[in-house]
């Protein structure tokens, strides 16, 4: 399985006649309860080291196999917040998409994720509060065996329509 390709695009683009066009995700009026999106990634050793470097979380349970062999998990595990980052990727790039603001996230870690595991993150809309521009989403991550490794709930503010 090939690793996912990350395509970066600017938040602004231009129409064929040169007018500025904002690239934004779905607004509250375009969302419905039941809308969902997924992102799948195989967790590599490099992912774990990069996450440790960026965050400063060098817990040996993640980066030291000798130490990790002596733990409850009997080997290295991925950072739980790395999984949370997969959910963030969905919210900021797919549903609702660019311009989304994270307000709150509850996370429950259910099972370990190891190097080589393929994780599918999913976010599904379970509630809409249009008058406050807030959306509640069920968030989950499952591994390649269908085991739930993380569940939770997010509250986000989707982008607002550009002013005309």
N, C-alpha and C. Protein backbone atom coordinates (compact mmCIF):
# COMPACT_ATOMS: atom_id res chain seq x y z
N UNK A 1 0.85 -1.18 0.00
CA UNK A 1 0.00 0.00 0.00
C UNK A 1 0.89 1.24 0.00
N UNK A 2 0.62 2.13 -0.90
CA UNK A 2 1.39 3.37 -1.00
C UNK A 2 0.94 4.36 0.06
N UNK A 3 1.90 5.13 0.61
CA UNK A 3 1.50 6.15 1.58
C UNK A 3 0.62 7.21 0.92
N UNK A 4 -0.25 7.85 1.72
CA UNK A 4 -1.11 8.89 1.13
C UNK A 4 -0.28 10.06 0.65
N UNK A 5 -0.75 10.69 -0.41
CA UNK A 5 -0.08 11.87 -0.96
C UNK A 5 -0.79 13.10 -0.40
N UNK A 6 0.00 14.00 0.15
CA UNK A 6 -0.55 15.24 0.68
C UNK A 6 -0.42 16.30 -0.39
N UNK A 7 -1.54 16.84 -0.79
CA UNK A 7 -1.56 17.89 -1.79
C UNK A 7 -1.87 19.20 -1.09
N UNK A 8 -0.91 20.11 -1.12
CA UNK A 8 -1.12 21.42 -0.51
C UNK A 8 -1.62 22.38 -1.58
N UNK A 9 -2.63 23.14 -1.22
CA UNK A 9 -3.14 24.12 -2.16
C UNK A 9 -3.36 25.42 -1.41
N UNK A 10 -3.24 26.52 -2.09
CA UNK A 10 -3.43 27.80 -1.40
C UNK A 10 -4.90 27.98 -1.01
N UNK A 11 -5.12 28.83 -0.01
CA UNK A 11 -6.48 29.09 0.42
C UNK A 11 -7.19 30.06 -0.52
N UNK A 12 -6.45 30.65 -1.42
CA UNK A 12 -7.08 31.50 -2.43
C UNK A 12 -6.68 30.98 -3.80
N UNK A 13 -7.55 31.18 -4.73
CA UNK A 13 -7.31 30.81 -6.11
C UNK A 13 -7.95 31.90 -6.95
N UNK A 14 -7.84 31.78 -8.24
CA UNK A 14 -8.38 32.81 -9.11
C UNK A 14 -9.25 32.19 -10.20
N UNK A 15 -10.33 32.86 -10.52
CA UNK A 15 -11.21 32.42 -11.59
C UNK A 15 -10.50 32.67 -12.92
N UNK A 16 -11.01 32.10 -14.02
CA UNK A 16 -10.36 32.32 -15.32
C UNK A 16 -10.23 33.80 -15.71
N UNK A 17 -11.12 34.65 -15.19
CA UNK A 17 -11.02 36.07 -15.54
C UNK A 17 -10.25 36.87 -14.48
N UNK A 18 -9.53 36.16 -13.58
CA UNK A 18 -8.65 36.83 -12.64
C UNK A 18 -9.25 37.27 -11.33
N UNK A 19 -10.53 36.96 -11.09
CA UNK A 19 -11.15 37.34 -9.81
C UNK A 19 -10.68 36.38 -8.72
N UNK A 20 -10.45 36.95 -7.54
CA UNK A 20 -10.00 36.16 -6.41
C UNK A 20 -11.14 35.25 -5.93
N UNK A 21 -10.82 34.00 -5.69
CA UNK A 21 -11.79 33.01 -5.25
C UNK A 21 -11.27 32.38 -3.97
N UNK A 22 -12.06 32.44 -2.91
CA UNK A 22 -11.66 31.82 -1.65
C UNK A 22 -12.03 30.34 -1.67
N UNK A 23 -11.09 29.50 -1.28
CA UNK A 23 -11.36 28.08 -1.15
C UNK A 23 -11.74 27.81 0.30
N UNK A 24 -12.98 27.48 0.52
CA UNK A 24 -13.44 27.19 1.88
C UNK A 24 -14.19 25.88 1.88
N UNK A 25 -14.29 25.32 3.08
CA UNK A 25 -15.05 24.09 3.25
C UNK A 25 -16.54 24.37 3.24
N UNK A 26 -17.29 23.37 3.62
CA UNK A 26 -18.75 23.50 3.65
C UNK A 26 -19.19 24.39 4.81
N UNK A 27 -20.14 25.25 4.54
CA UNK A 27 -20.72 26.10 5.58
C UNK A 27 -21.81 25.31 6.31
N UNK A 28 -22.29 25.84 7.41
CA UNK A 28 -23.31 25.15 8.22
C UNK A 28 -24.55 24.81 7.40
N UNK A 29 -24.91 25.67 6.44
CA UNK A 29 -26.09 25.42 5.61
C UNK A 29 -25.90 24.28 4.62
N UNK A 30 -24.64 23.89 4.38
CA UNK A 30 -24.35 22.81 3.45
C UNK A 30 -24.15 21.46 4.14
N UNK A 31 -24.23 21.45 5.47
CA UNK A 31 -23.97 20.24 6.24
C UNK A 31 -25.27 19.60 6.70
N UNK A 32 -25.24 18.26 6.87
CA UNK A 32 -26.40 17.52 7.35
C UNK A 32 -25.96 16.47 8.36
N UNK A 33 -26.82 16.18 9.32
CA UNK A 33 -26.56 15.07 10.22
C UNK A 33 -26.40 13.81 9.37
N UNK A 34 -25.36 13.04 9.67
CA UNK A 34 -25.07 11.83 8.91
C UNK A 34 -23.93 12.00 7.92
N UNK A 35 -23.61 13.25 7.53
CA UNK A 35 -22.45 13.47 6.66
C UNK A 35 -21.21 12.94 7.36
N UNK A 36 -20.33 12.28 6.62
CA UNK A 36 -19.13 11.70 7.22
C UNK A 36 -17.98 11.72 6.23
N UNK A 37 -16.78 11.64 6.77
CA UNK A 37 -15.57 11.56 5.95
C UNK A 37 -14.55 10.69 6.69
N UNK A 38 -13.64 10.11 5.91
CA UNK A 38 -12.61 9.23 6.47
C UNK A 38 -11.24 9.58 5.91
N UNK A 39 -10.22 9.23 6.67
CA UNK A 39 -8.82 9.37 6.25
C UNK A 39 -8.09 8.15 6.77
N UNK A 40 -7.35 7.47 5.91
CA UNK A 40 -6.63 6.25 6.28
C UNK A 40 -5.14 6.46 6.12
N UNK A 41 -4.38 5.99 7.11
CA UNK A 41 -2.93 6.12 7.10
C UNK A 41 -2.29 4.92 7.78
N UNK A 42 -1.21 4.43 7.22
CA UNK A 42 -0.40 3.42 7.87
C UNK A 42 0.65 4.14 8.70
N UNK A 43 0.70 3.84 9.99
CA UNK A 43 1.61 4.52 10.91
C UNK A 43 3.00 3.91 10.78
N UNK A 44 3.97 4.75 10.48
CA UNK A 44 5.35 4.29 10.31
C UNK A 44 6.22 4.72 11.49
N UNK A 45 7.38 4.12 11.58
CA UNK A 45 8.34 4.51 12.60
C UNK A 45 8.74 5.97 12.41
N UNK A 46 8.86 6.38 11.17
CA UNK A 46 9.19 7.78 10.88
C UNK A 46 8.11 8.71 11.40
N UNK A 47 6.83 8.34 11.23
CA UNK A 47 5.74 9.16 11.77
C UNK A 47 5.91 9.38 13.27
N UNK A 48 6.25 8.32 13.98
CA UNK A 48 6.39 8.40 15.43
C UNK A 48 7.56 9.29 15.81
N UNK A 49 8.70 9.14 15.14
CA UNK A 49 9.85 9.99 15.44
C UNK A 49 9.57 11.45 15.09
N UNK A 50 8.94 11.68 13.95
CA UNK A 50 8.62 13.07 13.58
C UNK A 50 7.65 13.69 14.57
N UNK A 51 6.64 12.94 14.99
CA UNK A 51 5.67 13.46 15.96
C UNK A 51 6.39 13.78 17.28
N UNK A 52 7.27 12.89 17.71
CA UNK A 52 8.03 13.14 18.94
C UNK A 52 8.87 14.41 18.81
N UNK A 53 9.50 14.59 17.65
CA UNK A 53 10.33 15.77 17.44
C UNK A 53 9.54 17.06 17.42
N UNK A 54 8.40 17.04 16.77
CA UNK A 54 7.58 18.24 16.67
C UNK A 54 6.97 18.60 18.02
N UNK A 55 6.51 17.60 18.78
CA UNK A 55 5.81 17.88 20.03
C UNK A 55 6.71 17.87 21.26
N UNK A 56 7.88 17.26 21.15
CA UNK A 56 8.75 17.12 22.31
C UNK A 56 8.38 15.94 23.19
N UNK A 57 7.43 15.09 22.75
CA UNK A 57 7.00 13.93 23.52
C UNK A 57 7.88 12.74 23.18
N UNK A 58 8.99 12.63 23.92
CA UNK A 58 9.94 11.54 23.71
C UNK A 58 9.74 10.42 24.74
N UNK A 59 8.50 10.21 25.16
CA UNK A 59 8.17 9.11 26.06
C UNK A 59 8.77 7.83 25.48
N UNK A 60 9.57 7.10 26.26
CA UNK A 60 10.20 5.88 25.71
C UNK A 60 9.20 4.80 25.31
N UNK A 61 7.96 4.90 25.75
CA UNK A 61 6.94 3.95 25.29
C UNK A 61 6.72 4.06 23.79
N UNK A 62 7.10 5.21 23.22
CA UNK A 62 6.94 5.45 21.79
C UNK A 62 8.23 5.27 21.00
N UNK A 63 9.37 5.59 21.61
CA UNK A 63 10.60 5.66 20.80
C UNK A 63 11.71 4.69 21.21
N UNK A 64 11.53 3.96 22.30
CA UNK A 64 12.59 3.06 22.77
C UNK A 64 12.03 1.65 22.91
N UNK A 65 12.39 0.78 21.96
CA UNK A 65 11.84 -0.57 21.94
C UNK A 65 12.23 -1.37 23.17
N UNK A 66 13.48 -1.24 23.63
CA UNK A 66 13.92 -1.99 24.81
C UNK A 66 13.07 -1.63 26.02
N UNK A 67 12.87 -0.34 26.23
CA UNK A 67 12.02 0.12 27.32
C UNK A 67 10.58 -0.38 27.12
N UNK A 68 10.07 -0.17 25.91
CA UNK A 68 8.66 -0.48 25.63
C UNK A 68 8.35 -1.97 25.80
N UNK A 69 9.33 -2.84 25.58
CA UNK A 69 9.12 -4.28 25.78
C UNK A 69 8.76 -4.61 27.23
N UNK A 70 9.17 -3.75 28.17
CA UNK A 70 8.92 -3.98 29.59
C UNK A 70 7.59 -3.40 30.06
N UNK A 71 6.86 -2.74 29.16
CA UNK A 71 5.61 -2.10 29.54
C UNK A 71 4.42 -3.04 29.35
N UNK A 72 3.28 -2.56 29.77
CA UNK A 72 2.02 -3.27 29.62
C UNK A 72 1.77 -3.69 28.17
N UNK A 73 2.21 -2.86 27.21
CA UNK A 73 1.93 -3.12 25.80
C UNK A 73 2.95 -4.03 25.14
N UNK A 74 4.07 -4.33 25.81
CA UNK A 74 5.10 -5.25 25.31
C UNK A 74 5.70 -4.83 23.98
N UNK A 75 5.77 -3.54 23.75
CA UNK A 75 6.37 -3.00 22.54
C UNK A 75 5.95 -1.55 22.34
N UNK A 76 6.60 -0.91 21.39
CA UNK A 76 6.34 0.50 21.14
C UNK A 76 4.92 0.71 20.61
N UNK A 77 4.36 1.85 21.00
CA UNK A 77 3.03 2.24 20.52
C UNK A 77 3.09 3.67 19.99
N UNK A 78 2.17 3.98 19.10
CA UNK A 78 2.08 5.34 18.56
C UNK A 78 1.52 6.27 19.62
N UNK A 79 1.88 7.53 19.53
CA UNK A 79 1.31 8.56 20.39
C UNK A 79 -0.20 8.64 20.14
N UNK A 80 -0.96 8.71 21.21
CA UNK A 80 -2.40 8.86 21.05
C UNK A 80 -2.77 10.13 20.31
N UNK A 81 -2.02 11.20 20.55
CA UNK A 81 -2.35 12.46 19.89
C UNK A 81 -1.99 12.45 18.40
N UNK A 82 -1.15 11.51 17.97
CA UNK A 82 -0.92 11.35 16.54
C UNK A 82 -2.23 10.92 15.88
N UNK A 83 -2.95 10.03 16.55
CA UNK A 83 -4.25 9.58 16.03
C UNK A 83 -5.24 10.75 16.01
N UNK A 84 -5.22 11.56 17.06
CA UNK A 84 -6.10 12.73 17.10
C UNK A 84 -5.80 13.65 15.92
N UNK A 85 -4.54 13.70 15.51
CA UNK A 85 -4.16 14.52 14.36
C UNK A 85 -4.81 14.03 13.07
N UNK A 86 -5.08 12.74 12.96
CA UNK A 86 -5.76 12.22 11.77
C UNK A 86 -7.19 12.75 11.71
N UNK A 87 -7.81 12.86 12.87
CA UNK A 87 -9.16 13.43 12.93
C UNK A 87 -9.10 14.91 12.52
N UNK A 88 -8.12 15.62 13.04
CA UNK A 88 -7.95 17.03 12.69
C UNK A 88 -7.78 17.19 11.18
N UNK A 89 -7.07 16.25 10.56
CA UNK A 89 -6.87 16.31 9.10
C UNK A 89 -8.21 16.23 8.37
N UNK A 90 -9.10 15.38 8.84
CA UNK A 90 -10.42 15.28 8.22
C UNK A 90 -11.16 16.61 8.34
N UNK A 91 -11.21 17.14 9.56
CA UNK A 91 -11.99 18.36 9.80
C UNK A 91 -11.46 19.54 9.01
N UNK A 92 -10.16 19.67 8.89
CA UNK A 92 -9.57 20.82 8.23
C UNK A 92 -9.41 20.70 6.72
N UNK A 93 -9.54 19.48 6.19
CA UNK A 93 -9.34 19.32 4.75
C UNK A 93 -10.53 18.71 4.01
N UNK A 94 -11.41 17.99 4.75
CA UNK A 94 -12.51 17.30 4.07
C UNK A 94 -13.90 17.74 4.54
N UNK A 95 -14.15 17.57 5.84
CA UNK A 95 -15.50 17.81 6.36
C UNK A 95 -15.43 18.52 7.69
N UNK A 96 -15.81 19.75 7.80
CA UNK A 96 -16.30 20.61 6.74
C UNK A 96 -15.23 21.08 5.75
N UNK A 97 -13.95 21.10 6.16
CA UNK A 97 -12.89 21.47 5.23
C UNK A 97 -12.21 22.78 5.61
N UNK A 98 -11.46 23.36 4.66
CA UNK A 98 -10.68 24.57 4.94
C UNK A 98 -11.51 25.68 5.59
N UNK A 99 -10.94 26.27 6.63
CA UNK A 99 -11.62 27.33 7.35
C UNK A 99 -12.32 26.86 8.62
N UNK A 100 -12.37 25.55 8.83
CA UNK A 100 -13.00 24.99 10.03
C UNK A 100 -12.15 25.32 11.26
N UNK A 101 -12.83 25.65 12.36
CA UNK A 101 -12.16 25.93 13.62
C UNK A 101 -12.56 24.85 14.63
N UNK A 102 -11.55 24.21 15.20
CA UNK A 102 -11.74 23.21 16.24
C UNK A 102 -12.10 23.93 17.54
N UNK A 103 -13.16 23.55 18.20
CA UNK A 103 -13.54 24.16 19.47
C UNK A 103 -13.26 23.22 20.64
N UNK A 104 -13.60 21.94 20.45
CA UNK A 104 -13.49 20.99 21.56
C UNK A 104 -13.33 19.59 20.99
N UNK A 105 -12.57 18.73 21.71
CA UNK A 105 -12.44 17.33 21.31
C UNK A 105 -12.33 16.48 22.57
N UNK A 106 -13.20 15.50 22.69
CA UNK A 106 -13.10 14.48 23.72
C UNK A 106 -12.52 13.24 23.08
N UNK A 107 -11.54 12.62 23.74
CA UNK A 107 -10.89 11.43 23.20
C UNK A 107 -10.88 10.32 24.23
N UNK A 108 -11.19 9.11 23.78
CA UNK A 108 -11.10 7.91 24.62
C UNK A 108 -10.23 6.91 23.87
N UNK A 109 -9.07 6.61 24.43
CA UNK A 109 -8.14 5.68 23.79
C UNK A 109 -8.51 4.27 24.22
N UNK A 110 -8.83 3.42 23.23
CA UNK A 110 -9.38 2.10 23.48
C UNK A 110 -8.39 0.96 23.32
N UNK A 111 -7.43 1.12 22.42
CA UNK A 111 -6.46 0.06 22.14
C UNK A 111 -5.20 0.69 21.55
N UNK A 112 -4.06 0.02 21.71
CA UNK A 112 -2.82 0.59 21.19
C UNK A 112 -2.74 0.52 19.67
N UNK A 113 -1.99 1.46 19.11
CA UNK A 113 -1.65 1.44 17.68
C UNK A 113 -0.14 1.24 17.60
N UNK A 114 0.27 0.29 16.79
CA UNK A 114 1.69 -0.04 16.66
C UNK A 114 2.22 0.36 15.28
N UNK A 115 3.52 0.41 15.18
CA UNK A 115 4.15 0.69 13.89
C UNK A 115 3.67 -0.36 12.89
N UNK A 116 3.24 0.12 11.72
CA UNK A 116 2.73 -0.77 10.68
C UNK A 116 1.22 -0.92 10.68
N UNK A 117 0.56 -0.48 11.74
CA UNK A 117 -0.91 -0.54 11.75
C UNK A 117 -1.47 0.49 10.78
N UNK A 118 -2.54 0.12 10.11
CA UNK A 118 -3.25 1.04 9.22
C UNK A 118 -4.50 1.52 9.96
N UNK A 119 -4.56 2.82 10.16
CA UNK A 119 -5.63 3.42 10.96
C UNK A 119 -6.57 4.21 10.04
N UNK A 120 -7.86 4.00 10.21
CA UNK A 120 -8.86 4.79 9.50
C UNK A 120 -9.56 5.68 10.51
N UNK A 121 -9.36 6.98 10.35
CA UNK A 121 -10.05 7.97 11.17
C UNK A 121 -11.36 8.31 10.47
N UNK A 122 -12.39 8.56 11.26
CA UNK A 122 -13.72 8.89 10.71
C UNK A 122 -14.35 9.98 11.56
N UNK A 123 -14.99 10.92 10.90
CA UNK A 123 -15.75 11.97 11.57
C UNK A 123 -17.14 12.01 10.95
N UNK A 124 -18.16 11.95 11.80
CA UNK A 124 -19.55 11.95 11.33
C UNK A 124 -20.35 13.00 12.08
N UNK A 125 -21.11 13.77 11.35
CA UNK A 125 -21.94 14.81 11.96
C UNK A 125 -23.10 14.15 12.70
N UNK A 126 -23.22 14.51 14.00
CA UNK A 126 -24.33 13.98 14.82
C UNK A 126 -25.23 15.10 15.33
N UNK A 127 -24.81 16.35 15.16
CA UNK A 127 -25.64 17.45 15.61
C UNK A 127 -25.25 18.76 14.96
N UNK A 128 -26.24 19.59 14.71
CA UNK A 128 -26.03 20.91 14.11
C UNK A 128 -26.70 21.96 14.99
N UNK A 129 -26.01 23.07 15.21
CA UNK A 129 -26.55 24.20 15.96
C UNK A 129 -26.32 25.44 15.09
N UNK A 130 -27.16 25.62 14.05
CA UNK A 130 -26.93 26.70 13.09
C UNK A 130 -26.86 28.10 13.69
N UNK A 131 -27.69 28.36 14.72
CA UNK A 131 -27.71 29.71 15.29
C UNK A 131 -26.39 30.08 15.97
N UNK A 132 -25.58 29.08 16.33
CA UNK A 132 -24.27 29.34 16.93
C UNK A 132 -23.13 28.93 16.00
N UNK A 133 -23.47 28.47 14.79
CA UNK A 133 -22.49 27.99 13.81
C UNK A 133 -21.59 26.91 14.42
N UNK A 134 -22.22 25.94 15.09
CA UNK A 134 -21.48 24.85 15.71
C UNK A 134 -22.00 23.51 15.21
N UNK A 135 -21.06 22.57 15.09
CA UNK A 135 -21.36 21.22 14.63
C UNK A 135 -20.75 20.24 15.62
N UNK A 136 -21.51 19.22 16.01
CA UNK A 136 -21.00 18.15 16.86
C UNK A 136 -20.76 16.93 15.98
N UNK A 137 -19.59 16.32 16.17
CA UNK A 137 -19.21 15.18 15.33
C UNK A 137 -18.74 14.02 16.19
N UNK A 138 -19.17 12.81 15.82
CA UNK A 138 -18.64 11.59 16.41
C UNK A 138 -17.31 11.32 15.71
N UNK A 139 -16.27 11.07 16.50
CA UNK A 139 -14.95 10.83 15.93
C UNK A 139 -14.44 9.47 16.37
N UNK A 140 -13.91 8.70 15.42
CA UNK A 140 -13.38 7.37 15.72
C UNK A 140 -12.13 7.10 14.92
N UNK A 141 -11.34 6.16 15.42
CA UNK A 141 -10.23 5.57 14.66
C UNK A 141 -10.30 4.06 14.85
N UNK A 142 -10.19 3.33 13.76
CA UNK A 142 -10.15 1.87 13.81
C UNK A 142 -8.88 1.40 13.12
N UNK A 143 -8.40 0.22 13.51
CA UNK A 143 -7.21 -0.32 12.85
C UNK A 143 -7.61 -1.25 11.70
N UNK A 144 -6.60 -1.83 11.08
CA UNK A 144 -6.82 -2.68 9.90
C UNK A 144 -7.66 -3.91 10.20
N UNK A 145 -7.80 -4.26 11.47
CA UNK A 145 -8.61 -5.41 11.86
C UNK A 145 -10.03 -5.00 12.29
N UNK A 146 -10.35 -3.72 12.11
CA UNK A 146 -11.66 -3.23 12.49
C UNK A 146 -11.81 -2.97 13.98
N UNK A 147 -10.70 -3.00 14.72
CA UNK A 147 -10.74 -2.75 16.17
C UNK A 147 -10.78 -1.25 16.42
N UNK A 148 -11.73 -0.83 17.25
CA UNK A 148 -11.83 0.58 17.63
C UNK A 148 -10.66 0.92 18.53
N UNK A 149 -9.81 1.86 18.11
CA UNK A 149 -8.65 2.25 18.91
C UNK A 149 -8.84 3.61 19.57
N UNK A 150 -9.78 4.39 19.08
CA UNK A 150 -10.07 5.71 19.64
C UNK A 150 -11.50 6.07 19.31
N UNK A 151 -12.20 6.63 20.28
CA UNK A 151 -13.49 7.24 19.97
C UNK A 151 -13.62 8.54 20.75
N UNK A 152 -14.54 9.35 20.31
CA UNK A 152 -14.72 10.63 20.97
C UNK A 152 -15.77 11.48 20.28
N UNK A 153 -15.75 12.74 20.65
CA UNK A 153 -16.70 13.69 20.09
C UNK A 153 -16.01 15.03 19.93
N UNK A 154 -16.25 15.65 18.79
CA UNK A 154 -15.67 16.96 18.50
C UNK A 154 -16.78 17.98 18.33
N UNK A 155 -16.47 19.21 18.70
CA UNK A 155 -17.33 20.35 18.41
C UNK A 155 -16.48 21.30 17.57
N UNK A 156 -17.02 21.68 16.42
CA UNK A 156 -16.29 22.55 15.51
C UNK A 156 -17.18 23.70 15.05
N UNK A 157 -16.53 24.70 14.50
CA UNK A 157 -17.24 25.81 13.85
C UNK A 157 -16.86 25.77 12.38
N UNK A 158 -17.80 25.43 11.50
CA UNK A 158 -17.47 25.39 10.08
C UNK A 158 -17.22 26.79 9.54
N UNK A 159 -16.58 26.89 8.38
CA UNK A 159 -16.34 28.21 7.81
C UNK A 159 -17.65 28.93 7.48
N UNK A 160 -17.60 30.22 7.51
CA UNK A 160 -18.76 31.02 7.13
C UNK A 160 -18.61 31.37 5.65
N UNK A 161 -19.76 31.54 5.00
CA UNK A 161 -19.76 31.92 3.58
C UNK A 161 -19.06 33.26 3.44
N UNK A 162 -18.29 33.44 2.35
CA UNK A 162 -17.64 34.73 2.14
C UNK A 162 -18.67 35.84 1.96
N UNK A 163 -18.32 37.02 2.46
CA UNK A 163 -19.22 38.17 2.30
C UNK A 163 -19.17 38.61 0.85
N UNK A 164 -20.33 38.97 0.36
CA UNK A 164 -20.42 39.36 -1.06
C UNK A 164 -20.31 40.84 -1.23
